Amino acid sequence: MRQDPKSPERHAWRMAKKQEIMNARIASADKDQGLLLVLTGPGKGKSSSGFGMLARALGHGMKVGVVQFIKGAFSTGEEAFFRDLPNVDYHVMGDGYTWDTQNRERDIASATAAWEIAKKMLSDDSYQMVLLDELNIALHYEYLDIDMVLDDLQARPAMQHAIVTGRYAPQLLIDLADTVTEMKVVKHAFKDLGVRAQKGVEL
């Protein structure tokens, strides 16, 4: 007679098999390196995930840098929380959403100034993690030269982690990245229910 798939014995057997697989994977992962992580897609949570990793890094006593592209027209909870913490170098460099600024030249100038700060962080091994929030948007609208950005990301210190967020991640960046996560929308309070941005959730 076939064993009940929900039985404790069946569950224990399946988890033991899974443990074997996971232990083998962990044993074979014997490299340490700085990671390039890309968080993209139309769903909510890209910046939130980036700042979650930032908090994790700070918990380990790491020095981190933040450069926010596009954002800047309004204050956010993450800026209020992280900006004055020890080991955090925080820069808000945008002028607001592209549909609000409606000024390509100004957006290019802001993105260029932001990249100059980012480039300094990416060339300084005292920064162990650098969060480039909404950089993908600046690349999508060609406010920055993608070859320059990719070159600077590749040239960063060997053990420095870099996180890039924003919709529309270019394929060249995806190809270069070590880890890529694409957020998708299942349901969204703003688009589906007409609920405006809420403090602590979007702001």
Foldseek 3Di string as FASTA:
>chain_A
DDDDCPDPVNVVVVVVVVVVVVVVVVVVPDDAWAFEEEEAADAPDFVVVVVVVVVVCVVVVAAEEEQEAQDDCDDAPSCVPQVPDPSYHYYYQHNHHCVVVVDLVVSLVSVVVSVVVVLVLQADVSHQEYEYEAVQVCVVVPSDDVVVVVVSNVPGDTRHYYYYYYYNRDPVSVVVGPYYDYDYDPDDCCVHPVDDDDHPRRD
